[in-house]
Amino acid sequence: MNDASKPLRLLIASAHPIVCEGLRTMLAGSPDIQLLAIATSLPETMRLVGELQPQVLLIDTHIHQGATHKALSMMHGEWPALAIVGLAMNADDPEFLLACLQTGMATCLPLHVSRTILHQALTASVHKETLLQHALVRSLLERIEGATPVEERSSAQAQWVDLTERELEVLTCVAHGQRNKEIAIYLSISEPTVKTHLANIYFKLQVDSRASAVAVAMKRGLLSGVTLS
């Protein structure tokens, strides 16, 4: 369960009954998740987020044609503590995924995601530790690397030289999907020190989550040398 030993408060949003019922069934046997409600439209989603104050919003990104990402950005700004996990048929498309992360979304999962992965993503998102599968991070890096001229990448790197060498090491570990404990062991530092470095990274990149830090870092060219296995 979460840190307070209380069930995670979840709101589901989708305009498709089969998706709603499928998610309800998948999560029915999870005692550490409390399903507050299911919203079937974007306006209802925004209303229920305000009224119920869920910890996590699990939203079908196709709930409203063309307006979902803008609404998610607004919700992220209005309720910064709200963790947003998306579901989409094209969640494995690097460009679409990057657009999702830029709204403040913790991650976006494919509709065929397993119950185990879904549960892990929801639970981790509360702690802002949900990241991307290695293959997707690699695709994002390759897409951005190929689309950004060398001179722009150099300029972007110069713009963010205030990230220390240790912060870049921590950020690289984050991009590889490592959690705080794993990063601490790998870099031979304490977990509190990892958290301090992450806080500094968030401040310098003007983000508030691990996923957003990776997305911004990739866009700025900070992770252009990362190689994922």
C-alpha atoms as a PDB file:
ATOM      1  CA  MET A   1       0.000   0.000   0.000  1.00  0.00           C
ATOM      2  CA  ASN A   2       1.022   3.638  -0.078  1.00  0.00           C
ATOM      3  CA  ASP A   3       3.025   5.411   2.629  1.00  0.00           C
ATOM      4  CA  ALA A   4      -0.048   6.149   4.722  1.00  0.00           C
ATOM      5  CA  SER A   5      -1.142   2.491   4.574  1.00  0.00           C
ATOM      6  CA  LYS A   6      -4.341   3.602   2.899  1.00  0.00           C
ATOM      7  CA  PRO A   7      -5.666   2.538  -0.494  1.00  0.00           C
ATOM      8  CA  LEU A   8      -4.547   4.607  -3.459  1.00  0.00           C
ATOM      9  CA  ARG A   9      -7.418   6.901  -4.476  1.00  0.00           C
ATOM     10  CA  LEU A  10      -8.037   6.397  -8.201  1.00  0.00           C
ATOM     11  CA  LEU A  11     -10.254   8.044 -10.802  1.00  0.00           C
ATOM     12  CA  ILE A  12     -10.695   6.316 -14.170  1.00  0.00           C
ATOM     13  CA  ALA A  13     -11.662   8.298 -17.270  1.00  0.00           C
ATOM     14  CA  SER A  14     -12.704   6.831 -20.618  1.00  0.00           C
ATOM     15  CA  ALA A  15     -15.550   7.354 -23.070  1.00  0.00           C
ATOM     16  CA  HIS A  16     -15.508   3.656 -23.999  1.00  0.00           C
ATOM     17  CA  PRO A  17     -17.624   1.335 -21.796  1.00  0.00           C
ATOM     18  CA  ILE A  18     -15.507  -1.700 -22.676  1.00  0.00           C
ATOM     19  CA  VAL A  19     -12.363   0.092 -21.485  1.00  0.00           C
ATOM     20  CA  CYS A  20     -14.080   1.268 -18.291  1.00  0.00           C
ATOM     21  CA  GLU A  21     -15.400  -2.168 -17.409  1.00  0.00           C
ATOM     22  CA  GLY A  22     -12.132  -3.833 -18.342  1.00  0.00           C
ATOM     23  CA  LEU A  23     -10.184  -1.548 -16.022  1.00  0.00           C
ATOM     24  CA  ARG A  24     -12.748  -1.979 -13.250  1.00  0.00           C
ATOM     25  CA  THR A  25     -12.408  -5.748 -13.527  1.00  0.00           C
ATOM     26  CA  MET A  26      -8.614  -5.654 -13.650  1.00  0.00           C
ATOM     27  CA  LEU A  27      -8.388  -3.550 -10.497  1.00  0.00           C
ATOM     28  CA  ALA A  28     -11.249  -5.150  -8.564  1.00  0.00           C
ATOM     29  CA  GLY A  29      -8.956  -7.540  -6.716  1.00  0.00           C
ATOM     30  CA  SER A  30      -6.491  -4.867  -5.588  1.00  0.00           C
ATOM     31  CA  PRO A  31      -7.092  -4.004  -1.911  1.00  0.00           C
ATOM     32  CA  ASP A  32      -4.543  -1.187  -2.084  1.00  0.00           C
ATOM     33  CA  ILE A  33      -6.465   0.687  -4.789  1.00  0.00           C
ATOM     34  CA  GLN A  34      -9.746   2.480  -4.114  1.00  0.00           C
ATOM     35  CA  LEU A  35     -11.712   3.262  -7.270  1.00  0.00           C
ATOM     36  CA  LEU A  36     -13.525   6.521  -6.534  1.00  0.00           C
ATOM     37  CA  ALA A  37     -15.478   6.870  -9.772  1.00  0.00           C
ATOM     38  CA  ILE A  38     -15.396   6.475 -13.537  1.00  0.00           C
ATOM     39  CA  ALA A  39     -15.719   9.569 -15.715  1.00  0.00           C
ATOM     40  CA  THR A  40     -17.005   9.142 -19.253  1.00  0.00           C
ATOM     41  CA  SER A  41     -16.224  12.593 -20.666  1.00  0.00           C
ATOM     42  CA  LEU A  42     -13.496  15.208 -20.363  1.00  0.00           C
ATOM     43  CA  PRO A  43     -15.695  17.802 -18.587  1.00  0.00           C
ATOM     44  CA  GLU A  44     -16.836  15.146 -16.115  1.00  0.00           C
ATOM     45  CA  THR A  45     -13.210  14.129 -15.561  1.00  0.00           C
ATOM     46  CA  MET A  46     -12.185  17.668 -14.662  1.00  0.00           C
ATOM     47  CA  ARG A  47     -15.213  18.080 -12.382  1.00  0.00           C
ATOM     48  CA  LEU A  48     -14.559  14.824 -10.528  1.00  0.00           C
ATOM     49  CA  VAL A  49     -10.855  15.558 -10.112  1.00  0.00           C
ATOM     50  CA  GLY A  50     -11.831  18.779  -8.350  1.00  0.00           C
ATOM     51  CA  GLU A  51     -14.575  17.193  -6.253  1.00  0.00           C
ATOM     52  CA  LEU A  52     -12.960  13.865  -5.304  1.00  0.00           C
ATOM     53  CA  GLN A  53      -9.283  14.883  -5.214  1.00  0.00           C
ATOM     54  CA  PRO A  54      -7.929  11.503  -6.392  1.00  0.00           C
ATOM     55  CA  GLN A  55      -4.241  10.716  -6.054  1.00  0.00           C
ATOM     56  CA  VAL A  56      -4.090   9.203  -9.528  1.00  0.00           C
ATOM     57  CA  LEU A  57      -6.048   9.811 -12.714  1.00  0.00           C
ATOM     58  CA  LEU A  58      -5.993   6.871 -15.137  1.00  0.00           C
ATOM     59  CA  ILE A  59      -7.216   8.344 -18.392  1.00  0.00           C
ATOM     60  CA  ASP A  60      -7.848   7.065 -21.895  1.00  0.00           C
ATOM     61  CA  THR A  61      -6.062   9.762 -23.916  1.00  0.00           C
ATOM     62  CA  HIS A  62      -8.681   9.456 -26.651  1.00  0.00           C
ATOM     63  CA  ILE A  63     -11.531  10.420 -24.321  1.00  0.00           C
ATOM     64  CA  HIS A  64     -11.967  13.673 -26.281  1.00  0.00           C
ATOM     65  CA  GLN A  65     -10.762  14.207 -29.810  1.00  0.00           C
ATOM     66  CA  GLY A  66      -8.048  16.846 -29.913  1.00  0.00           C
ATOM     67  CA  ALA A  67      -8.588  18.379 -26.461  1.00  0.00           C
ATOM     68  CA  THR A  68      -7.254  15.785 -24.048  1.00  0.00           C
ATOM     69  CA  HIS A  69      -3.621  16.913 -23.907  1.00  0.00           C
ATOM     70  CA  LYS A  70      -4.565  20.555 -23.364  1.00  0.00           C
ATOM     71  CA  ALA A  71      -6.960  19.553 -20.576  1.00  0.00           C
ATOM     72  CA  LEU A  72      -4.317  17.367 -18.938  1.00  0.00           C
ATOM     73  CA  SER A  73      -1.849  20.252 -18.962  1.00  0.00           C
ATOM     74  CA  MET A  74      -4.478  22.428 -17.296  1.00  0.00           C
ATOM     75  CA  MET A  75      -5.205  19.779 -14.660  1.00  0.00           C
ATOM     76  CA  HIS A  76      -1.508  19.279 -14.007  1.00  0.00           C
ATOM     77  CA  GLY A  77      -1.165  23.011 -13.399  1.00  0.00           C
ATOM     78  CA  GLU A  78      -4.275  23.222 -11.217  1.00  0.00           C
ATOM     79  CA  TRP A  79      -3.631  20.047  -9.198  1.00  0.00           C
ATOM     80  CA  PRO A  80       0.167  19.468  -9.293  1.00  0.00           C
ATOM     81  CA  ALA A  81      -0.065  16.644  -6.723  1.00  0.00           C
ATOM     82  CA  LEU A  82      -2.313  14.653  -9.061  1.00  0.00           C
ATOM     83  CA  ALA A  83      -0.462  11.796 -10.778  1.00  0.00           C
ATOM     84  CA  ILE A  84      -1.712  11.202 -14.316  1.00  0.00           C
ATOM     85  CA  VAL A  85      -1.303   7.858 -16.065  1.00  0.00           C
ATOM     86  CA  GLY A  86      -2.479   7.614 -19.654  1.00  0.00           C
ATOM     87  CA  LEU A  87      -3.764   4.755 -21.768  1.00  0.00           C
ATOM     88  CA  ALA A  88      -3.507   4.842 -25.545  1.00  0.00           C
ATOM     89  CA  MET A  89      -3.446   2.556 -28.561  1.00  0.00           C
ATOM     90  CA  ASN A  90      -0.377   4.388 -29.856  1.00  0.00           C
ATOM     91  CA  ALA A  91       1.518   4.596 -26.558  1.00  0.00           C
ATOM     92  CA  ASP A  92       4.550   3.030 -28.246  1.00  0.00           C
ATOM     93  CA  ASP A  93       4.848   5.941 -30.717  1.00  0.00           C
ATOM     94  CA  PRO A  94       7.824   8.056 -29.530  1.00  0.00           C
ATOM     95  CA  GLU A  95       6.396  11.372 -30.748  1.00  0.00           C
ATOM     96  CA  PHE A  96       3.003  10.716 -29.154  1.00  0.00           C
ATOM     97  CA  LEU A  97       4.681   9.583 -25.945  1.00  0.00           C
ATOM     98  CA  LEU A  98       6.810  12.708 -25.749  1.00  0.00           C
ATOM     99  CA  ALA A  99       3.681  14.847 -26.211  1.00  0.00           C
ATOM    100  CA  CYS A 100       2.065  12.949 -23.326  1.00  0.00           C
ATOM    101  CA  LEU A 101       5.023  13.509 -21.015  1.00  0.00           C
ATOM    102  CA  GLN A 102       5.015  17.219 -21.823  1.00  0.00           C
ATOM    103  CA  THR A 103       1.484  17.508 -20.398  1.00  0.00           C
ATOM    104  CA  GLY A 104       2.771  16.395 -16.991  1.00  0.00           C
ATOM    105  CA  MET A 105       1.694  12.789 -17.452  1.00  0.00           C
ATOM    106  CA  ALA A 106       3.770  10.294 -15.424  1.00  0.00           C
ATOM    107  CA  THR A 107       3.633   7.730 -18.209  1.00  0.00           C
ATOM    108  CA  CYS A 108       1.374   6.434 -20.962  1.00  0.00           C
ATOM    109  CA  LEU A 109       0.626   2.730 -21.243  1.00  0.00           C
ATOM    110  CA  PRO A 110      -0.668   0.705 -24.194  1.00  0.00           C
ATOM    111  CA  LEU A 111      -4.217  -0.629 -23.999  1.00  0.00           C
ATOM    112  CA  HIS A 112      -2.899  -4.192 -23.970  1.00  0.00           C
ATOM    113  CA  VAL A 113      -0.923  -3.586 -20.758  1.00  0.00           C
ATOM    114  CA  SER A 114      -1.004  -6.419 -18.216  1.00  0.00           C
ATOM    115  CA  ARG A 115      -2.703  -6.142 -14.848  1.00  0.00           C
ATOM    116  CA  THR A 116       0.672  -6.371 -13.088  1.00  0.00           C
ATOM    117  CA  ILE A 117       2.261  -3.554 -15.078  1.00  0.00           C
ATOM    118  CA  LEU A 118      -0.841  -1.395 -14.711  1.00  0.00           C
ATOM    119  CA  HIS A 119      -0.833  -1.873 -10.956  1.00  0.00           C
ATOM    120  CA  GLN A 120       2.885  -1.077 -10.741  1.00  0.00           C
ATOM    121  CA  ALA A 121       2.463   2.049 -12.859  1.00  0.00           C
ATOM    122  CA  LEU A 122      -0.398   3.376 -10.744  1.00  0.00           C
ATOM    123  CA  THR A 123       1.405   2.719  -7.480  1.00  0.00           C
ATOM    124  CA  ALA A 124       4.720   4.152  -8.655  1.00  0.00           C
ATOM    125  CA  SER A 125       3.122   7.255 -10.167  1.00  0.00           C
ATOM    126  CA  VAL A 126       2.130   8.475  -6.706  1.00  0.00           C
ATOM    127  CA  HIS A 127       5.841   8.639  -5.858  1.00  0.00           C
ATOM    128  CA  LYS A 128       6.661  10.097  -9.289  1.00  0.00           C
ATOM    129  CA  GLU A 129       8.800   7.086 -10.059  1.00  0.00           C
ATOM    130  CA  THR A 130       6.974   5.767 -13.103  1.00  0.00           C
ATOM    131  CA  LEU A 131       9.195   5.821 -16.144  1.00  0.00           C
ATOM    132  CA  LEU A 132       9.348   4.321 -19.581  1.00  0.00           C
ATOM    133  CA  GLN A 133      10.378   0.961 -20.904  1.00  0.00           C
ATOM    134  CA  HIS A 134      13.981   0.952 -22.132  1.00  0.00           C
ATOM    135  CA  ALA A 135      12.940   0.393 -25.751  1.00  0.00           C
ATOM    136  CA  LEU A 136      10.715   3.485 -25.688  1.00  0.00           C
ATOM    137  CA  VAL A 137      13.377   5.664 -24.105  1.00  0.00           C
ATOM    138  CA  ARG A 138      15.810   4.486 -26.775  1.00  0.00           C
ATOM    139  CA  SER A 139      13.277   5.319 -29.514  1.00  0.00           C
ATOM    140  CA  LEU A 140      12.726   8.783 -28.062  1.00  0.00           C
ATOM    141  CA  LEU A 141      16.448   9.424 -27.901  1.00  0.00           C
ATOM    142  CA  GLU A 142      16.944   8.274 -31.480  1.00  0.00           C
ATOM    143  CA  ARG A 143      14.014  10.336 -32.740  1.00  0.00           C
ATOM    144  CA  ILE A 144      15.157  13.517 -31.014  1.00  0.00           C
ATOM    145  CA  GLU A 145      18.826  12.908 -31.872  1.00  0.00           C
ATOM    146  CA  GLY A 146      17.939  12.515 -35.531  1.00  0.00           C
ATOM    147  CA  ALA A 147      15.600  15.503 -35.673  1.00  0.00           C
ATOM    148  CA  THR A 148      17.833  18.021 -33.865  1.00  0.00           C
ATOM    149  CA  PRO A 149      20.775  19.593 -35.737  1.00  0.00           C
ATOM    150  CA  VAL A 150      24.174  19.177 -34.043  1.00  0.00           C
ATOM    151  CA  GLU A 151      24.591  22.927 -33.541  1.00  0.00           C
ATOM    152  CA  GLU A 152      21.209  23.124 -31.752  1.00  0.00           C
ATOM    153  CA  ARG A 153      22.126  20.226 -29.480  1.00  0.00           C
ATOM    154  CA  SER A 154      25.438  21.907 -28.614  1.00  0.00           C
ATOM    155  CA  SER A 155      23.650  25.165 -27.864  1.00  0.00           C
ATOM    156  CA  ALA A 156      21.099  23.372 -25.696  1.00  0.00           C
ATOM    157  CA  GLN A 157      23.849  21.618 -23.764  1.00  0.00           C
ATOM    158  CA  ALA A 158      25.607  24.927 -23.183  1.00  0.00           C
ATOM    159  CA  GLN A 159      22.343  26.375 -21.920  1.00  0.00           C
ATOM    160  CA  TRP A 160      22.125  23.729 -19.186  1.00  0.00           C
ATOM    161  CA  VAL A 161      25.754  23.460 -18.036  1.00  0.00           C
ATOM    162  CA  ASP A 162      24.567  24.270 -14.505  1.00  0.00           C
ATOM    163  CA  LEU A 163      23.706  20.572 -14.109  1.00  0.00           C
ATOM    164  CA  THR A 164      26.641  19.107 -12.227  1.00  0.00           C
ATOM    165  CA  GLU A 165      28.435  15.959 -13.306  1.00  0.00           C
ATOM    166  CA  ARG A 166      26.803  14.030 -10.448  1.00  0.00           C
ATOM    167  CA  GLU A 167      23.353  15.366 -11.377  1.00  0.00           C
ATOM    168  CA  LEU A 168      23.908  14.212 -14.947  1.00  0.00           C
ATOM    169  CA  GLU A 169      24.895  10.787 -13.641  1.00  0.00           C
ATOM    170  CA  VAL A 170      21.709  10.601 -11.575  1.00  0.00           C
ATOM    171  CA  LEU A 171      19.647  11.796 -14.534  1.00  0.00           C
ATOM    172  CA  THR A 172      21.217   9.136 -16.750  1.00  0.00           C
ATOM    173  CA  CYS A 173      20.304   6.461 -14.201  1.00  0.00           C
ATOM    174  CA  VAL A 174      16.754   7.792 -14.139  1.00  0.00           C
ATOM    175  CA  ALA A 175      16.617   7.556 -17.934  1.00  0.00           C
ATOM    176  CA  HIS A 176      17.621   3.904 -17.638  1.00  0.00           C
ATOM    177  CA  GLY A 177      14.608   3.309 -15.384  1.00  0.00           C
ATOM    178  CA  GLN A 178      16.526   2.933 -12.120  1.00  0.00           C
ATOM    179  CA  ARG A 179      14.801   3.845  -8.875  1.00  0.00           C
ATOM    180  CA  ASN A 180      16.343   5.744  -5.984  1.00  0.00           C
ATOM    181  CA  LYS A 181      17.677   2.683  -4.150  1.00  0.00           C
ATOM    182  CA  GLU A 182      19.235   1.302  -7.334  1.00  0.00           C
ATOM    183  CA  ILE A 183      20.801   4.668  -8.173  1.00  0.00           C
ATOM    184  CA  ALA A 184      22.217   4.954  -4.663  1.00  0.00           C
ATOM    185  CA  ILE A 185      23.847   1.532  -4.919  1.00  0.00           C
ATOM    186  CA  TYR A 186      25.158   2.152  -8.434  1.00  0.00           C
ATOM    187  CA  LEU A 187      26.693   5.540  -7.573  1.00  0.00           C
ATOM    188  CA  SER A 188      27.740   4.548  -4.027  1.00  0.00           C
ATOM    189  CA  ILE A 189      25.743   7.349  -2.403  1.00  0.00           C
ATOM    190  CA  SER A 190      22.839   7.408   0.037  1.00  0.00           C
ATOM    191  CA  GLU A 191      19.169   7.481  -0.966  1.00  0.00           C
ATOM    192  CA  PRO A 192      18.665  10.916   0.682  1.00  0.00           C
ATOM    193  CA  THR A 193      21.540  12.192  -1.449  1.00  0.00           C
ATOM    194  CA  VAL A 194      19.845  10.806  -4.560  1.00  0.00           C
ATOM    195  CA  LYS A 195      16.649  12.628  -3.572  1.00  0.00           C
ATOM    196  CA  THR A 196      18.597  15.845  -3.088  1.00  0.00           C
ATOM    197  CA  HIS A 197      20.145  15.543  -6.542  1.00  0.00           C
ATOM    198  CA  LEU A 198      16.708  14.838  -8.041  1.00  0.00           C
ATOM    199  CA  ALA A 199      15.262  17.909  -6.322  1.00  0.00           C
ATOM    200  CA  ASN A 200      18.063  20.032  -7.790  1.00  0.00           C
ATOM    201  CA  ILE A 201      17.506  18.514 -11.233  1.00  0.00           C
ATOM    202  CA  TYR A 202      13.766  19.214 -11.035  1.00  0.00           C
ATOM    203  CA  PHE A 203      14.436  22.818 -10.027  1.00  0.00           C
ATOM    204  CA  LYS A 204      16.998  23.438 -12.758  1.00  0.00           C
ATOM    205  CA  LEU A 205      14.901  21.836 -15.486  1.00  0.00           C
ATOM    206  CA  GLN A 206      11.673  23.382 -14.141  1.00  0.00           C
ATOM    207  CA  VAL A 207       9.864  20.030 -13.882  1.00  0.00           C
ATOM    208  CA  ASP A 208       8.236  18.078 -11.066  1.00  0.00           C
ATOM    209  CA  SER A 209       8.577  14.420 -12.028  1.00  0.00           C
ATOM    210  CA  ARG A 210      11.140  11.889 -13.199  1.00  0.00           C
ATOM    211  CA  ALA A 211       9.369  11.365 -16.510  1.00  0.00           C
ATOM    212  CA  SER A 212       9.246  15.102 -17.216  1.00  0.00           C
ATOM    213  CA  ALA A 213      12.926  15.448 -16.291  1.00  0.00           C
ATOM    214  CA  VAL A 214      13.865  12.770 -18.821  1.00  0.00           C
ATOM    215  CA  ALA A 215      11.613  14.275 -21.490  1.00  0.00           C
ATOM    216  CA  VAL A 216      13.029  17.792 -21.027  1.00  0.00           C
ATOM    217  CA  ALA A 217      16.599  16.491 -20.803  1.00  0.00           C
ATOM    218  CA  MET A 218      16.190  14.597 -24.074  1.00  0.00           C
ATOM    219  CA  LYS A 219      14.676  17.624 -25.763  1.00  0.00           C
ATOM    220  CA  ARG A 220      17.563  19.786 -24.536  1.00  0.00           C
ATOM    221  CA  GLY A 221      20.154  17.266 -25.723  1.00  0.00           C
ATOM    222  CA  LEU A 222      21.449  16.447 -22.234  1.00  0.00           C
ATOM    223  CA  LEU A 223      21.034  12.714 -22.729  1.00  0.00           C
ATOM    224  CA  SER A 224      22.267  12.487 -26.292  1.00  0.00           C
ATOM    225  CA  GLY A 225      25.129  10.248 -25.222  1.00  0.00           C
ATOM    226  CA  VAL A 226      23.021   7.774 -23.279  1.00  0.00           C
ATOM    227  CA  THR A 227      23.172   4.194 -24.513  1.00  0.00           C
ATOM    228  CA  LEU A 228      20.425   1.838 -23.349  1.00  0.00           C
ATOM    229  CA  SER A 229      20.818  -1.900 -23.339  1.00  0.00           C
END
